[in-house]
Full PDB file with SEQRES, HELIX, SHEET, SSBOND, CRYST1, ORIGX, SCALE, CONECT and MASTER records, all heavy atoms in Angstrom:
SEQRES   1 A   40  ARG ASN ARG ARG SER ARG VAL ARG THR PHE VAL ARG LYS          
SEQRES   2 A   40  VAL GLU ASP ALA LEU ALA ALA GLY ASP ARG ASP ALA ALA          
SEQRES   3 A   40  VAL ALA ALA LEU LYS ALA VAL GLU PRO VAL LEU SER ARG          
SEQRES   4 A   40  SER                                                          
HELIX    1 AA1 ASN A    2  ALA A   20  1                                  19    
HELIX    2 AA2 ARG A   23  ARG A   39  1                                  17    
CRYST1    1.000    1.000    1.000  90.00  90.00  90.00 P 1           1          
ORIGX1      1.000000  0.000000  0.000000        0.00000                         
ORIGX2      0.000000  1.000000  0.000000        0.00000                         
ORIGX3      0.000000  0.000000  1.000000        0.00000                         
SCALE1      1.000000  0.000000  0.000000        0.00000                         
SCALE2      0.000000  1.000000  0.000000        0.00000                         
SCALE3      0.000000  0.000000  1.000000        0.00000                         
ATOM      1  N   ARG A   1     -22.373  21.877  14.348  1.00  0.00           N  
ATOM      2  CA  ARG A   1     -21.781  20.663  13.784  1.00  0.00           C  
ATOM      3  C   ARG A   1     -21.722  19.572  14.849  1.00  0.00           C  
ATOM      4  O   ARG A   1     -22.044  18.408  14.588  1.00  0.00           O  
ATOM      5  CB  ARG A   1     -20.383  20.955  13.241  1.00  0.00           C  
ATOM      6  CG  ARG A   1     -19.785  19.797  12.483  1.00  0.00           C  
ATOM      7  CD  ARG A   1     -18.388  20.105  11.966  1.00  0.00           C  
ATOM      8  NE  ARG A   1     -18.351  21.304  11.131  1.00  0.00           N  
ATOM      9  CZ  ARG A   1     -17.440  22.270  11.231  1.00  0.00           C  
ATOM     10  NH1 ARG A   1     -16.486  22.191  12.121  1.00  0.00           N  
ATOM     11  NH2 ARG A   1     -17.474  23.305  10.425  1.00  0.00           N  
ATOM     12  N   ASN A   2     -21.316  19.954  16.065  1.00  0.00           N  
ATOM     13  CA  ASN A   2     -21.258  18.986  17.160  1.00  0.00           C  
ATOM     14  C   ASN A   2     -22.645  18.456  17.499  1.00  0.00           C  
ATOM     15  O   ASN A   2     -22.822  17.264  17.746  1.00  0.00           O  
ATOM     16  CB  ASN A   2     -20.623  19.610  18.401  1.00  0.00           C  
ATOM     17  CG  ASN A   2     -19.143  19.849  18.225  1.00  0.00           C  
ATOM     18  OD1 ASN A   2     -18.503  19.183  17.425  1.00  0.00           O  
ATOM     19  ND2 ASN A   2     -18.600  20.803  18.952  1.00  0.00           N  
ATOM     20  N   ARG A   3     -23.626  19.337  17.509  1.00  0.00           N  
ATOM     21  CA  ARG A   3     -24.991  18.917  17.827  1.00  0.00           C  
ATOM     22  C   ARG A   3     -25.539  17.983  16.751  1.00  0.00           C  
ATOM     23  O   ARG A   3     -26.200  16.992  17.058  1.00  0.00           O  
ATOM     24  CB  ARG A   3     -25.905  20.127  17.974  1.00  0.00           C  
ATOM     25  CG  ARG A   3     -25.664  20.896  19.253  1.00  0.00           C  
ATOM     26  CD  ARG A   3     -26.535  22.117  19.339  1.00  0.00           C  
ATOM     27  NE  ARG A   3     -26.355  22.789  20.623  1.00  0.00           N  
ATOM     28  CZ  ARG A   3     -26.692  24.049  20.858  1.00  0.00           C  
ATOM     29  NH1 ARG A   3     -27.228  24.779  19.896  1.00  0.00           N  
ATOM     30  NH2 ARG A   3     -26.505  24.572  22.048  1.00  0.00           N  
ATOM     31  N   ARG A   4     -25.277  18.303  15.497  1.00  0.00           N  
ATOM     32  CA  ARG A   4     -25.757  17.463  14.394  1.00  0.00           C  
ATOM     33  C   ARG A   4     -25.093  16.084  14.462  1.00  0.00           C  
ATOM     34  O   ARG A   4     -25.737  15.059  14.239  1.00  0.00           O  
ATOM     35  CB  ARG A   4     -25.453  18.147  13.057  1.00  0.00           C  
ATOM     36  CG  ARG A   4     -26.287  17.641  11.919  1.00  0.00           C  
ATOM     37  CD  ARG A   4     -26.230  18.519  10.683  1.00  0.00           C  
ATOM     38  NE  ARG A   4     -25.046  19.343  10.522  1.00  0.00           N  
ATOM     39  CZ  ARG A   4     -25.025  20.674  10.652  1.00  0.00           C  
ATOM     40  NH1 ARG A   4     -26.130  21.335  10.949  1.00  0.00           N  
ATOM     41  NH2 ARG A   4     -23.919  21.352  10.487  1.00  0.00           N  
ATOM     42  N   SER A   5     -23.810  16.054  14.808  1.00  0.00           N  
ATOM     43  CA  SER A   5     -23.088  14.798  14.943  1.00  0.00           C  
ATOM     44  C   SER A   5     -23.687  13.970  16.077  1.00  0.00           C  
ATOM     45  O   SER A   5     -23.844  12.753  15.962  1.00  0.00           O  
ATOM     46  CB  SER A   5     -21.616  15.083  15.219  1.00  0.00           C  
ATOM     47  OG  SER A   5     -20.940  13.890  15.499  1.00  0.00           O  
ATOM     48  N   ARG A   6     -24.046  14.619  17.162  1.00  0.00           N  
ATOM     49  CA  ARG A   6     -24.648  13.934  18.307  1.00  0.00           C  
ATOM     50  C   ARG A   6     -25.987  13.305  17.912  1.00  0.00           C  
ATOM     51  O   ARG A   6     -26.277  12.161  18.280  1.00  0.00           O  
ATOM     52  CB  ARG A   6     -24.835  14.928  19.445  1.00  0.00           C  
ATOM     53  CG  ARG A   6     -25.352  14.307  20.715  1.00  0.00           C  
ATOM     54  CD  ARG A   6     -25.200  15.275  21.888  1.00  0.00           C  
ATOM     55  NE  ARG A   6     -25.489  14.549  23.105  1.00  0.00           N  
ATOM     56  CZ  ARG A   6     -26.540  14.784  23.866  1.00  0.00           C  
ATOM     57  NH1 ARG A   6     -27.385  15.743  23.555  1.00  0.00           N  
ATOM     58  NH2 ARG A   6     -26.754  14.084  24.953  1.00  0.00           N  
ATOM     59  N   VAL A   7     -26.784  14.038  17.143  1.00  0.00           N  
ATOM     60  CA  VAL A   7     -28.066  13.519  16.677  1.00  0.00           C  
ATOM     61  C   VAL A   7     -27.835  12.265  15.837  1.00  0.00           C  
ATOM     62  O   VAL A   7     -28.493  11.240  16.038  1.00  0.00           O  
ATOM     63  CB  VAL A   7     -28.838  14.582  15.856  1.00  0.00           C  
ATOM     64  CG1 VAL A   7     -30.009  13.969  15.120  1.00  0.00           C  
ATOM     65  CG2 VAL A   7     -29.304  15.702  16.759  1.00  0.00           C  
ATOM     66  N   ARG A   8     -26.891  12.339  14.910  1.00  0.00           N  
ATOM     67  CA  ARG A   8     -26.611  11.195  14.033  1.00  0.00           C  
ATOM     68  C   ARG A   8     -26.159   9.980  14.841  1.00  0.00           C  
ATOM     69  O   ARG A   8     -26.540   8.847  14.539  1.00  0.00           O  
ATOM     70  CB  ARG A   8     -25.525  11.551  13.014  1.00  0.00           C  
ATOM     71  CG  ARG A   8     -26.005  12.496  11.956  1.00  0.00           C  
ATOM     72  CD  ARG A   8     -24.954  12.603  10.850  1.00  0.00           C  
ATOM     73  NE  ARG A   8     -25.233  13.723   9.988  1.00  0.00           N  
ATOM     74  CZ  ARG A   8     -24.441  14.779   9.833  1.00  0.00           C  
ATOM     75  NH1 ARG A   8     -23.292  14.841  10.480  1.00  0.00           N  
ATOM     76  NH2 ARG A   8     -24.771  15.757   9.025  1.00  0.00           N  
ATOM     77  N   THR A   9     -25.341  10.211  15.866  1.00  0.00           N  
ATOM     78  CA  THR A   9     -24.862   9.117  16.701  1.00  0.00           C  
ATOM     79  C   THR A   9     -26.021   8.432  17.413  1.00  0.00           C  
ATOM     80  O   THR A   9     -26.111   7.205  17.430  1.00  0.00           O  
ATOM     81  CB  THR A   9     -23.844   9.642  17.740  1.00  0.00           C  
ATOM     82  OG1 THR A   9     -22.757  10.233  17.051  1.00  0.00           O  
ATOM     83  CG2 THR A   9     -23.350   8.523  18.639  1.00  0.00           C  
ATOM     84  N   PHE A  10     -26.933   9.220  17.990  1.00  0.00           N  
ATOM     85  CA  PHE A  10     -28.074   8.660  18.708  1.00  0.00           C  
ATOM     86  C   PHE A  10     -28.985   7.881  17.756  1.00  0.00           C  
ATOM     87  O   PHE A  10     -29.467   6.803  18.093  1.00  0.00           O  
ATOM     88  CB  PHE A  10     -28.860   9.762  19.414  1.00  0.00           C  
ATOM     89  CG  PHE A  10     -28.319  10.104  20.774  1.00  0.00           C  
ATOM     90  CD1 PHE A  10     -27.246  10.967  20.913  1.00  0.00           C  
ATOM     91  CD2 PHE A  10     -28.887   9.571  21.914  1.00  0.00           C  
ATOM     92  CE1 PHE A  10     -26.746  11.286  22.164  1.00  0.00           C  
ATOM     93  CE2 PHE A  10     -28.396   9.883  23.173  1.00  0.00           C  
ATOM     94  CZ  PHE A  10     -27.322  10.743  23.305  1.00  0.00           C  
ATOM     95  N   VAL A  11     -29.211   8.429  16.568  1.00  0.00           N  
ATOM     96  CA  VAL A  11     -30.063   7.753  15.586  1.00  0.00           C  
ATOM     97  C   VAL A  11     -29.404   6.448  15.147  1.00  0.00           C  
ATOM     98  O   VAL A  11     -30.076   5.414  15.006  1.00  0.00           O  
ATOM     99  CB  VAL A  11     -30.341   8.669  14.365  1.00  0.00           C  
ATOM    100  CG1 VAL A  11     -31.003   7.898  13.246  1.00  0.00           C  
ATOM    101  CG2 VAL A  11     -31.201   9.851  14.783  1.00  0.00           C  
ATOM    102  N   ARG A  12     -28.095   6.471  14.964  1.00  0.00           N  
ATOM    103  CA  ARG A  12     -27.378   5.278  14.545  1.00  0.00           C  
ATOM    104  C   ARG A  12     -27.500   4.174  15.589  1.00  0.00           C  
ATOM    105  O   ARG A  12     -27.599   2.985  15.255  1.00  0.00           O  
ATOM    106  CB  ARG A  12     -25.901   5.602  14.288  1.00  0.00           C  
ATOM    107  CG  ARG A  12     -25.196   4.517  13.500  1.00  0.00           C  
ATOM    108  CD  ARG A  12     -23.776   4.901  13.100  1.00  0.00           C  
ATOM    109  NE  ARG A  12     -23.723   6.175  12.401  1.00  0.00           N  
ATOM    110  CZ  ARG A  12     -23.082   7.272  12.857  1.00  0.00           C  
ATOM    111  NH1 ARG A  12     -22.453   7.252  14.008  1.00  0.00           N  
ATOM    112  NH2 ARG A  12     -23.071   8.372  12.140  1.00  0.00           N  
ATOM    113  N   LYS A  13     -27.505   4.532  16.878  1.00  0.00           N  
ATOM    114  CA  LYS A  13     -27.644   3.524  17.934  1.00  0.00           C  
ATOM    115  C   LYS A  13     -28.985   2.801  17.810  1.00  0.00           C  
ATOM    116  O   LYS A  13     -29.055   1.587  17.991  1.00  0.00           O  
ATOM    117  CB  LYS A  13     -27.517   4.175  19.308  1.00  0.00           C  
ATOM    118  CG  LYS A  13     -26.101   4.554  19.658  1.00  0.00           C  
ATOM    119  CD  LYS A  13     -26.014   5.203  21.018  1.00  0.00           C  
ATOM    120  CE  LYS A  13     -24.606   5.659  21.323  1.00  0.00           C  
ATOM    121  NZ  LYS A  13     -24.510   6.353  22.621  1.00  0.00           N  
ATOM    122  N   VAL A  14     -30.051   3.548  17.496  1.00  0.00           N  
ATOM    123  CA  VAL A  14     -31.365   2.925  17.314  1.00  0.00           C  
ATOM    124  C   VAL A  14     -31.330   2.020  16.093  1.00  0.00           C  
ATOM    125  O   VAL A  14     -31.798   0.865  16.138  1.00  0.00           O  
ATOM    126  CB  VAL A  14     -32.482   3.986  17.162  1.00  0.00           C  
ATOM    127  CG1 VAL A  14     -33.819   3.324  16.897  1.00  0.00           C  
ATOM    128  CG2 VAL A  14     -32.563   4.882  18.382  1.00  0.00           C  
ATOM    129  N   GLU A  15     -30.783   2.513  14.997  1.00  0.00           N  
ATOM    130  CA  GLU A  15     -30.737   1.732  13.754  1.00  0.00           C  
ATOM    131  C   GLU A  15     -29.897   0.464  13.924  1.00  0.00           C  
ATOM    132  O   GLU A  15     -30.256  -0.592  13.404  1.00  0.00           O  
ATOM    133  CB  GLU A  15     -30.199   2.589  12.608  1.00  0.00           C  
ATOM    134  CG  GLU A  15     -31.164   3.685  12.201  1.00  0.00           C  
ATOM    135  CD  GLU A  15     -30.572   4.691  11.233  1.00  0.00           C  
ATOM    136  OE1 GLU A  15     -29.324   4.704  11.057  1.00  0.00           O  
ATOM    137  OE2 GLU A  15     -31.350   5.470  10.663  1.00  0.00           O  
ATOM    138  N   ASP A  16     -28.797   0.556  14.669  1.00  0.00           N  
ATOM    139  CA  ASP A  16     -27.963  -0.626  14.913  1.00  0.00           C  
ATOM    140  C   ASP A  16     -28.713  -1.663  15.739  1.00  0.00           C  
ATOM    141  O   ASP A  16     -28.625  -2.864  15.478  1.00  0.00           O  
ATOM    142  CB  ASP A  16     -26.654  -0.236  15.618  1.00  0.00           C  
ATOM    143  CG  ASP A  16     -25.705   0.517  14.700  1.00  0.00           C  
ATOM    144  OD1 ASP A  16     -25.941   0.498  13.464  1.00  0.00           O  
ATOM    145  OD2 ASP A  16     -24.744   1.117  15.215  1.00  0.00           O  
ATOM    146  N   ALA A  17     -29.449  -1.197  16.753  1.00  0.00           N  
ATOM    147  CA  ALA A  17     -30.224  -2.115  17.587  1.00  0.00           C  
ATOM    148  C   ALA A  17     -31.328  -2.772  16.765  1.00  0.00           C  
ATOM    149  O   ALA A  17     -31.618  -3.958  16.931  1.00  0.00           O  
ATOM    150  CB  ALA A  17     -30.817  -1.372  18.779  1.00  0.00           C  
ATOM    151  N   LEU A  18     -31.937  -2.002  15.861  1.00  0.00           N  
ATOM    152  CA  LEU A  18     -32.972  -2.572  14.986  1.00  0.00           C  
ATOM    153  C   LEU A  18     -32.368  -3.625  14.066  1.00  0.00           C  
ATOM    154  O   LEU A  18     -32.945  -4.701  13.878  1.00  0.00           O  
ATOM    155  CB  LEU A  18     -33.629  -1.466  14.149  1.00  0.00           C  
ATOM    156  CG  LEU A  18     -34.593  -0.528  14.879  1.00  0.00           C  
ATOM    157  CD1 LEU A  18     -34.918   0.667  14.001  1.00  0.00           C  
ATOM    158  CD2 LEU A  18     -35.862  -1.262  15.279  1.00  0.00           C  
ATOM    159  N   ALA A  19     -31.214  -3.331  13.513  1.00  0.00           N  
ATOM    160  CA  ALA A  19     -30.564  -4.275  12.600  1.00  0.00           C  
ATOM    161  C   ALA A  19     -30.150  -5.550  13.323  1.00  0.00           C  
ATOM    162  O   ALA A  19     -30.223  -6.648  12.762  1.00  0.00           O  
ATOM    163  CB  ALA A  19     -29.350  -3.619  11.957  1.00  0.00           C  
ATOM    164  N   ALA A  20     -29.742  -5.405  14.579  1.00  0.00           N  
ATOM    165  CA  ALA A  20     -29.314  -6.562  15.361  1.00  0.00           C  
ATOM    166  C   ALA A  20     -30.509  -7.361  15.877  1.00  0.00           C  
ATOM    167  O   ALA A  20     -30.348  -8.495  16.333  1.00  0.00           O  
ATOM    168  CB  ALA A  20     -28.448  -6.117  16.522  1.00  0.00           C  
ATOM    169  N   GLY A  21     -31.687  -6.758  15.834  1.00  0.00           N  
ATOM    170  CA  GLY A  21     -32.883  -7.440  16.321  1.00  0.00           C  
ATOM    171  C   GLY A  21     -32.996  -7.422  17.834  1.00  0.00           C  
ATOM    172  O   GLY A  21     -33.725  -8.215  18.419  1.00  0.00           O  
ATOM    173  N   ASP A  22     -32.295  -6.503  18.479  1.00  0.00           N  
ATOM    174  CA  ASP A  22     -32.311  -6.392  19.940  1.00  0.00           C  
ATOM    175  C   ASP A  22     -33.379  -5.381  20.357  1.00  0.00           C  
ATOM    176  O   ASP A  22     -33.147  -4.177  20.336  1.00  0.00           O  
ATOM    177  CB  ASP A  22     -30.929  -5.963  20.435  1.00  0.00           C  
ATOM    178  CG  ASP A  22     -30.802  -6.026  21.952  1.00  0.00           C  
ATOM    179  OD1 ASP A  22     -31.812  -6.276  22.629  1.00  0.00           O  
ATOM    180  OD2 ASP A  22     -29.682  -5.826  22.442  1.00  0.00           O  
ATOM    181  N   ARG A  23     -34.550  -5.876  20.732  1.00  0.00           N  
ATOM    182  CA  ARG A  23     -35.684  -4.996  21.052  1.00  0.00           C  
ATOM    183  C   ARG A  23     -35.405  -4.119  22.268  1.00  0.00           C  
ATOM    184  O   ARG A  23     -35.710  -2.928  22.264  1.00  0.00           O  
ATOM    185  CB  ARG A  23     -36.937  -5.819  21.269  1.00  0.00           C  
ATOM    186  CG  ARG A  23     -38.140  -4.965  21.637  1.00  0.00           C  
ATOM    187  CD  ARG A  23     -39.449  -5.676  21.472  1.00  0.00           C  
ATOM    188  NE  ARG A  23     -40.579  -5.070  22.145  1.00  0.00           N  
ATOM    189  CZ  ARG A  23     -41.017  -3.832  21.964  1.00  0.00           C  
ATOM    190  NH1 ARG A  23     -40.397  -3.024  21.125  1.00  0.00           N  
ATOM    191  NH2 ARG A  23     -42.065  -3.368  22.604  1.00  0.00           N  
ATOM    192  N   ASP A  24     -34.831  -4.700  23.326  1.00  0.00           N  
ATOM    193  CA  ASP A  24     -34.578  -3.924  24.550  1.00  0.00           C  
ATOM    194  C   ASP A  24     -33.616  -2.769  24.285  1.00  0.00           C  
ATOM    195  O   ASP A  24     -33.830  -1.643  24.748  1.00  0.00           O  
ATOM    196  CB  ASP A  24     -34.014  -4.833  25.644  1.00  0.00           C  
ATOM    197  CG  ASP A  24     -35.037  -5.873  26.099  1.00  0.00           C  
ATOM    198  OD1 ASP A  24     -36.245  -5.598  25.974  1.00  0.00           O  
ATOM    199  OD2 ASP A  24     -34.609  -6.948  26.563  1.00  0.00           O  
ATOM    200  N   ALA A  25     -32.563  -3.044  23.534  1.00  0.00           N  
ATOM    201  CA  ALA A  25     -31.598  -1.993  23.199  1.00  0.00           C  
ATOM    202  C   ALA A  25     -32.245  -0.936  22.312  1.00  0.00           C  
ATOM    203  O   ALA A  25     -31.981   0.259  22.459  1.00  0.00           O  
ATOM    204  CB  ALA A  25     -30.388  -2.583  22.508  1.00  0.00           C  
ATOM    205  N   ALA A  26     -33.110  -1.368  21.386  1.00  0.00           N  
ATOM    206  CA  ALA A  26     -33.778  -0.427  20.487  1.00  0.00           C  
ATOM    207  C   ALA A  26     -34.709   0.495  21.266  1.00  0.00           C  
ATOM    208  O   ALA A  26     -34.744   1.708  21.020  1.00  0.00           O  
ATOM    209  CB  ALA A  26     -34.558  -1.178  19.414  1.00  0.00           C  
ATOM    210  N   VAL A  27     -35.444  -0.061  22.225  1.00  0.00           N  
ATOM    211  CA  VAL A  27     -36.361   0.754  23.039  1.00  0.00           C  
ATOM    212  C   VAL A  27     -35.564   1.755  23.872  1.00  0.00           C  
ATOM    213  O   VAL A  27     -35.920   2.939  23.969  1.00  0.00           O  
ATOM    214  CB  VAL A  27     -37.239  -0.146  23.940  1.00  0.00           C  
ATOM    215  CG1 VAL A  27     -37.999   0.682  24.963  1.00  0.00           C  
ATOM    216  CG2 VAL A  27     -38.208  -0.956  23.085  1.00  0.00           C  
ATOM    217  N   ALA A  28     -34.466   1.298  24.463  1.00  0.00           N  
ATOM    218  CA  ALA A  28     -33.629   2.191  25.279  1.00  0.00           C  
ATOM    219  C   ALA A  28     -33.022   3.296  24.417  1.00  0.00           C  
ATOM    220  O   ALA A  28     -32.988   4.471  24.814  1.00  0.00           O  
ATOM    221  CB  ALA A  28     -32.527   1.388  25.962  1.00  0.00           C  
ATOM    222  N   ALA A  29     -32.538   2.933  23.234  1.00  0.00           N  
ATOM    223  CA  ALA A  29     -31.934   3.927  22.340  1.00  0.00           C  
ATOM    224  C   ALA A  29     -32.980   4.915  21.839  1.00  0.00           C  
ATOM    225  O   ALA A  29     -32.696   6.110  21.702  1.00  0.00           O  
ATOM    226  CB  ALA A  29     -31.256   3.234  21.165  1.00  0.00           C  
ATOM    227  N   LEU A  30     -34.193   4.422  21.581  1.00  0.00           N  
ATOM    228  CA  LEU A  30     -35.274   5.304  21.134  1.00  0.00           C  
ATOM    229  C   LEU A  30     -35.627   6.306  22.219  1.00  0.00           C  
ATOM    230  O   LEU A  30     -35.851   7.490  21.945  1.00  0.00           O  
ATOM    231  CB  LEU A  30     -36.509   4.485  20.753  1.00  0.00           C  
ATOM    232  CG  LEU A  30     -37.731   5.288  20.323  1.00  0.00           C  
ATOM    233  CD1 LEU A  30     -37.446   6.030  19.020  1.00  0.00           C  
ATOM    234  CD2 LEU A  30     -38.936   4.387  20.152  1.00  0.00           C  
ATOM    235  N   LYS A  31     -35.655   5.832  23.453  1.00  0.00           N  
ATOM    236  CA  LYS A  31     -35.966   6.707  24.582  1.00  0.00           C  
ATOM    237  C   LYS A  31     -34.905   7.808  24.717  1.00  0.00           C  
ATOM    238  O   LYS A  31     -35.208   8.929  25.111  1.00  0.00           O  
ATOM    239  CB  LYS A  31     -36.026   5.879  25.865  1.00  0.00           C  
ATOM    240  CG  LYS A  31     -36.821   6.484  26.966  1.00  0.00           C  
ATOM    241  CD  LYS A  31     -37.020   5.488  28.089  1.00  0.00           C  
ATOM    242  CE  LYS A  31     -38.043   5.993  29.072  1.00  0.00           C  
ATOM    243  NZ  LYS A  31     -38.318   5.039  30.144  1.00  0.00           N  
ATOM    244  N   ALA A  32     -33.666   7.479  24.378  1.00  0.00           N  
ATOM    245  CA  ALA A  32     -32.579   8.461  24.458  1.00  0.00           C  
ATOM    246  C   ALA A  32     -32.586   9.424  23.272  1.00  0.00           C  
ATOM    247  O   ALA A  32     -32.237  10.595  23.415  1.00  0.00           O  
ATOM    248  CB  ALA A  32     -31.242   7.735  24.521  1.00  0.00           C  
ATOM    249  N   VAL A  33     -32.987   8.944  22.091  1.00  0.00           N  
ATOM    250  CA  VAL A  33     -32.907   9.774  20.889  1.00  0.00           C  
ATOM    251  C   VAL A  33     -34.067  10.769  20.794  1.00  0.00           C  
ATOM    252  O   VAL A  33     -33.906  11.834  20.193  1.00  0.00           O  
ATOM    253  CB  VAL A  33     -32.829   8.902  19.615  1.00  0.00           C  
ATOM    254  CG1 VAL A  33     -34.173   8.380  19.190  1.00  0.00           C  
ATOM    255  CG2 VAL A  33     -32.216   9.686  18.469  1.00  0.00           C  
ATOM    256  N   GLU A  34     -35.209  10.444  21.381  1.00  0.00           N  
ATOM    257  CA  GLU A  34     -36.375  11.326  21.246  1.00  0.00           C  
ATOM    258  C   GLU A  34     -36.115  12.757  21.720  1.00  0.00           C  
ATOM    259  O   GLU A  34     -36.328  13.701  20.962  1.00  0.00           O  
ATOM    260  CB  GLU A  34     -37.581  10.732  21.983  1.00  0.00           C  
ATOM    261  CG  GLU A  34     -38.586  10.125  21.052  1.00  0.00           C  
ATOM    262  CD  GLU A  34     -39.827   9.655  21.773  1.00  0.00           C  
ATOM    263  OE1 GLU A  34     -39.815   8.522  22.267  1.00  0.00           O  
ATOM    264  OE2 GLU A  34     -40.790  10.437  21.831  1.00  0.00           O  
ATOM    265  N   PRO A  35     -35.631  12.960  22.954  1.00  0.00           N  
ATOM    266  CA  PRO A  35     -35.390  14.346  23.377  1.00  0.00           C  
ATOM    267  C   PRO A  35     -34.287  15.034  22.572  1.00  0.00           C  
ATOM    268  O   PRO A  35     -34.351  16.247  22.339  1.00  0.00           O  
ATOM    269  CB  PRO A  35     -35.001  14.227  24.851  1.00  0.00           C  
ATOM    270  CG  PRO A  35     -34.690  12.805  25.084  1.00  0.00           C  
ATOM    271  CD  PRO A  35     -35.391  12.013  24.027  1.00  0.00           C  
ATOM    272  N   VAL A  36     -33.289  14.269  22.130  1.00  0.00           N  
ATOM    273  CA  VAL A  36     -32.196  14.858  21.345  1.00  0.00           C  
ATOM    274  C   VAL A  36     -32.732  15.367  20.009  1.00  0.00           C  
ATOM    275  O   VAL A  36     -32.412  16.478  19.578  1.00  0.00           O  
ATOM    276  CB  VAL A  36     -31.068  13.823  21.134  1.00  0.00           C  
ATOM    277  CG1 VAL A  36     -30.010  14.362  20.199  1.00  0.00           C  
ATOM    278  CG2 VAL A  36     -30.457  13.444  22.469  1.00  0.00           C  
ATOM    279  N   LEU A  37     -33.574  14.559  19.354  1.00  0.00           N  
ATOM    280  CA  LEU A  37     -34.158  14.981  18.076  1.00  0.00           C  
ATOM    281  C   LEU A  37     -35.102  16.162  18.270  1.00  0.00           C  
ATOM    282  O   LEU A  37     -35.090  17.120  17.486  1.00  0.00           O  
ATOM    283  CB  LEU A  37     -34.905  13.813  17.425  1.00  0.00           C  
ATOM    284  CG  LEU A  37     -34.064  12.881  16.565  1.00  0.00           C  
ATOM    285  CD1 LEU A  37     -34.853  11.649  16.171  1.00  0.00           C  
ATOM    286  CD2 LEU A  37     -33.556  13.583  15.331  1.00  0.00           C  
ATOM    287  N   SER A  38     -35.926  16.110  19.312  1.00  0.00           N  
ATOM    288  CA  SER A  38     -36.865  17.205  19.563  1.00  0.00           C  
ATOM    289  C   SER A  38     -36.128  18.520  19.792  1.00  0.00           C  
ATOM    290  O   SER A  38     -36.484  19.558  19.242  1.00  0.00           O  
ATOM    291  CB  SER A  38     -37.734  16.901  20.788  1.00  0.00           C  
ATOM    292  OG  SER A  38     -38.542  15.797  20.551  1.00  0.00           O  
ATOM    293  N   ARG A  39     -35.085  18.436  20.597  1.00  0.00           N  
ATOM    294  CA  ARG A  39     -34.308  19.637  20.895  1.00  0.00           C  
ATOM    295  C   ARG A  39     -33.635  20.170  19.640  1.00  0.00           C  
ATOM    296  O   ARG A  39     -33.562  21.378  19.421  1.00  0.00           O  
ATOM    297  CB  ARG A  39     -33.265  19.315  21.971  1.00  0.00           C  
ATOM    298  CG  ARG A  39     -32.821  20.514  22.760  1.00  0.00           C  
ATOM    299  CD  ARG A  39     -31.939  20.160  23.949  1.00  0.00           C  
ATOM    300  NE  ARG A  39     -32.518  19.132  24.788  1.00  0.00           N  
ATOM    301  CZ  ARG A  39     -31.975  17.924  24.998  1.00  0.00           C  
ATOM    302  NH1 ARG A  39     -30.837  17.588  24.427  1.00  0.00           N  
ATOM    303  NH2 ARG A  39     -32.561  17.048  25.780  1.00  0.00           N  
ATOM    304  N   SER A  40     -33.147  19.266  18.799  1.00  0.00           N  
ATOM    305  CA  SER A  40     -32.479  19.716  17.577  1.00  0.00           C  
ATOM    306  C   SER A  40     -33.474  20.422  16.656  1.00  0.00           C  
ATOM    307  O   SER A  40     -33.107  21.349  15.946  1.00  0.00           O  
ATOM    308  CB  SER A  40     -31.814  18.545  16.859  1.00  0.00           C  
ATOM    309  OG  SER A  40     -32.788  17.690  16.309  1.00  0.00           O  
TER     310      SER A  40                                                      
MASTER        0    0    0    2    0    0    0    6  309    1    0    4          
END                                                                             
């Protein structure tokens, strides 16, 4: 449950950056979410 919550949090950070139109934040968040999703 904790791991699934962590995945959702990381994905939400990317989606929030996309919605805000902040490319740098989106790239950074994507770089962070990739290993978390792969591991999950």
